[in-house]
Amino acid sequence: SDFYVQEYTRPEIVAAKQKLAESLRRTKN
């Protein structure tokens, strides 16, 4: 399970999730 935690906290993955969340917010508005 540690592997998954590391994967999801990787800077590039966090950045990708933030970008996705931002684009979803924009489409809602």
PDB file of N, CA and C in Angstrom:
ATOM      1  N   SER A   1       0.836  -1.211   0.000  1.00  0.00           N
ATOM      2  CA  SER A   1       0.000   0.000   0.000  1.00  0.00           C
ATOM      3  C   SER A   1       0.864   1.252   0.000  1.00  0.00           C
ATOM      4  N   ASP A   2       2.081   1.141   0.540  1.00  0.00           N
ATOM      5  CA  ASP A   2       2.979   2.302   0.542  1.00  0.00           C
ATOM      6  C   ASP A   2       3.268   2.769  -0.880  1.00  0.00           C
ATOM      7  N   PHE A   3       3.327   1.821  -1.800  1.00  0.00           N
ATOM      8  CA  PHE A   3       3.609   2.170  -3.194  1.00  0.00           C
ATOM      9  C   PHE A   3       2.542   3.128  -3.736  1.00  0.00           C
ATOM     10  N   TYR A   4       1.286   2.842  -3.447  1.00  0.00           N
ATOM     11  CA  TYR A   4       0.200   3.692  -3.945  1.00  0.00           C
ATOM     12  C   TYR A   4       0.255   5.076  -3.313  1.00  0.00           C
ATOM     13  N   VAL A   5       0.571   5.121  -2.030  1.00  0.00           N
ATOM     14  CA  VAL A   5       0.671   6.419  -1.360  1.00  0.00           C
ATOM     15  C   VAL A   5       1.767   7.251  -2.016  1.00  0.00           C
ATOM     16  N   GLN A   6       2.906   6.630  -2.290  1.00  0.00           N
ATOM     17  CA  GLN A   6       4.007   7.341  -2.940  1.00  0.00           C
ATOM     18  C   GLN A   6       3.595   7.819  -4.332  1.00  0.00           C
ATOM     19  N   GLU A   7       2.903   6.978  -5.066  1.00  0.00           N
ATOM     20  CA  GLU A   7       2.482   7.348  -6.415  1.00  0.00           C
ATOM     21  C   GLU A   7       1.561   8.564  -6.391  1.00  0.00           C
ATOM     22  N   TYR A   8       0.624   8.569  -5.460  1.00  0.00           N
ATOM     23  CA  TYR A   8      -0.359   9.647  -5.436  1.00  0.00           C
ATOM     24  C   TYR A   8       0.173  10.937  -4.833  1.00  0.00           C
ATOM     25  N   THR A   9       1.328  10.874  -4.171  1.00  0.00           N
ATOM     26  CA  THR A   9       1.888  12.104  -3.604  1.00  0.00           C
ATOM     27  C   THR A   9       3.046  12.624  -4.450  1.00  0.00           C
ATOM     28  N   ARG A  10       3.313  11.955  -5.563  1.00  0.00           N
ATOM     29  CA  ARG A  10       4.379  12.413  -6.462  1.00  0.00           C
ATOM     30  C   ARG A  10       4.026  13.800  -6.998  1.00  0.00           C
ATOM     31  N   PRO A  11       4.984  14.711  -7.040  1.00  0.00           N
ATOM     32  CA  PRO A  11       4.723  16.088  -7.489  1.00  0.00           C
ATOM     33  C   PRO A  11       4.021  16.157  -8.843  1.00  0.00           C
ATOM     34  N   GLU A  12       4.456  15.348  -9.805  1.00  0.00           N
ATOM     35  CA  GLU A  12       3.841  15.433 -11.138  1.00  0.00           C
ATOM     36  C   GLU A  12       2.407  14.930 -11.127  1.00  0.00           C
ATOM     37  N   ILE A  13       2.118  13.946 -10.281  1.00  0.00           N
ATOM     38  CA  ILE A  13       0.747  13.430 -10.196  1.00  0.00           C
ATOM     39  C   ILE A  13      -0.144  14.427  -9.469  1.00  0.00           C
ATOM     40  N   VAL A  14       0.393  15.021  -8.394  1.00  0.00           N
ATOM     41  CA  VAL A  14      -0.369  16.045  -7.660  1.00  0.00           C
ATOM     42  C   VAL A  14      -0.680  17.208  -8.597  1.00  0.00           C
ATOM     43  N   ALA A  15       0.312  17.631  -9.384  1.00  0.00           N
ATOM     44  CA  ALA A  15       0.116  18.741 -10.319  1.00  0.00           C
ATOM     45  C   ALA A  15      -0.937  18.381 -11.362  1.00  0.00           C
ATOM     46  N   ALA A  16      -0.895  17.149 -11.856  1.00  0.00           N
ATOM     47  CA  ALA A  16      -1.871  16.719 -12.858  1.00  0.00           C
ATOM     48  C   ALA A  16      -3.280  16.711 -12.266  1.00  0.00           C
ATOM     49  N   LYS A  17      -3.401  16.245 -11.011  1.00  0.00           N
ATOM     50  CA  LYS A  17      -4.724  16.222 -10.372  1.00  0.00           C
ATOM     51  C   LYS A  17      -5.247  17.640 -10.172  1.00  0.00           C
ATOM     52  N   GLN A  18      -4.349  18.560  -9.798  1.00  0.00           N
ATOM     53  CA  GLN A  18      -4.761  19.946  -9.594  1.00  0.00           C
ATOM     54  C   GLN A  18      -5.211  20.559 -10.912  1.00  0.00           C
ATOM     55  N   LYS A  19      -4.489  20.271 -11.972  1.00  0.00           N
ATOM     56  CA  LYS A  19      -4.866  20.788 -13.295  1.00  0.00           C
ATOM     57  C   LYS A  19      -6.235  20.255 -13.696  1.00  0.00           C
ATOM     58  N   LEU A  20      -6.457  18.966 -13.467  1.00  0.00           N
ATOM     59  CA  LEU A  20      -7.733  18.347 -13.814  1.00  0.00           C
ATOM     60  C   LEU A  20      -8.865  18.979 -13.004  1.00  0.00           C
ATOM     61  N   ALA A  21      -8.642  19.158 -11.709  1.00  0.00           N
ATOM     62  CA  ALA A  21      -9.667  19.759 -10.853  1.00  0.00           C
ATOM     63  C   ALA A  21      -9.966  21.184 -11.313  1.00  0.00           C
ATOM     64  N   GLU A  22      -8.922  21.913 -11.701  1.00  0.00           N
ATOM     65  CA  GLU A  22      -9.119  23.288 -12.147  1.00  0.00           C
ATOM     66  C   GLU A  22      -9.939  23.336 -13.428  1.00  0.00           C
ATOM     67  N   SER A  23      -9.632  22.457 -14.378  1.00  0.00           N
ATOM     68  CA  SER A  23     -10.371  22.445 -15.636  1.00  0.00           C
ATOM     69  C   SER A  23     -11.823  22.031 -15.407  1.00  0.00           C
ATOM     70  N   LEU A  24     -12.057  21.137 -14.462  1.00  0.00           N
ATOM     71  CA  LEU A  24     -13.429  20.724 -14.160  1.00  0.00           C
ATOM     72  C   LEU A  24     -14.203  21.890 -13.553  1.00  0.00           C
ATOM     73  N   ARG A  25     -13.530  22.665 -12.697  1.00  0.00           N
ATOM     74  CA  ARG A  25     -14.186  23.834 -12.095  1.00  0.00           C
ATOM     75  C   ARG A  25     -14.546  24.849 -13.170  1.00  0.00           C
ATOM     76  N   ARG A  26     -13.635  25.023 -14.134  1.00  0.00           N
ATOM     77  CA  ARG A  26     -13.880  26.003 -15.192  1.00  0.00           C
ATOM     78  C   ARG A  26     -15.087  25.609 -16.044  1.00  0.00           C
ATOM     79  N   THR A  27     -15.213  24.325 -16.322  1.00  0.00           N
ATOM     80  CA  THR A  27     -16.330  23.894 -17.166  1.00  0.00           C
ATOM     81  C   THR A  27     -17.651  24.017 -16.412  1.00  0.00           C
ATOM     82  N   LYS A  28     -17.605  23.864 -15.084  1.00  0.00           N
ATOM     83  CA  LYS A  28     -18.829  24.020 -14.287  1.00  0.00           C
ATOM     84  C   LYS A  28     -19.304  25.468 -14.341  1.00  0.00           C
ATOM     85  N   ASN A  29     -18.338  26.412 -14.246  1.00  0.00           N
ATOM     86  CA  ASN A  29     -18.678  27.834 -14.298  1.00  0.00           C
ATOM     87  C   ASN A  29     -18.837  28.228 -15.759  1.00  0.00           C
TER      88      ASN A  29
END
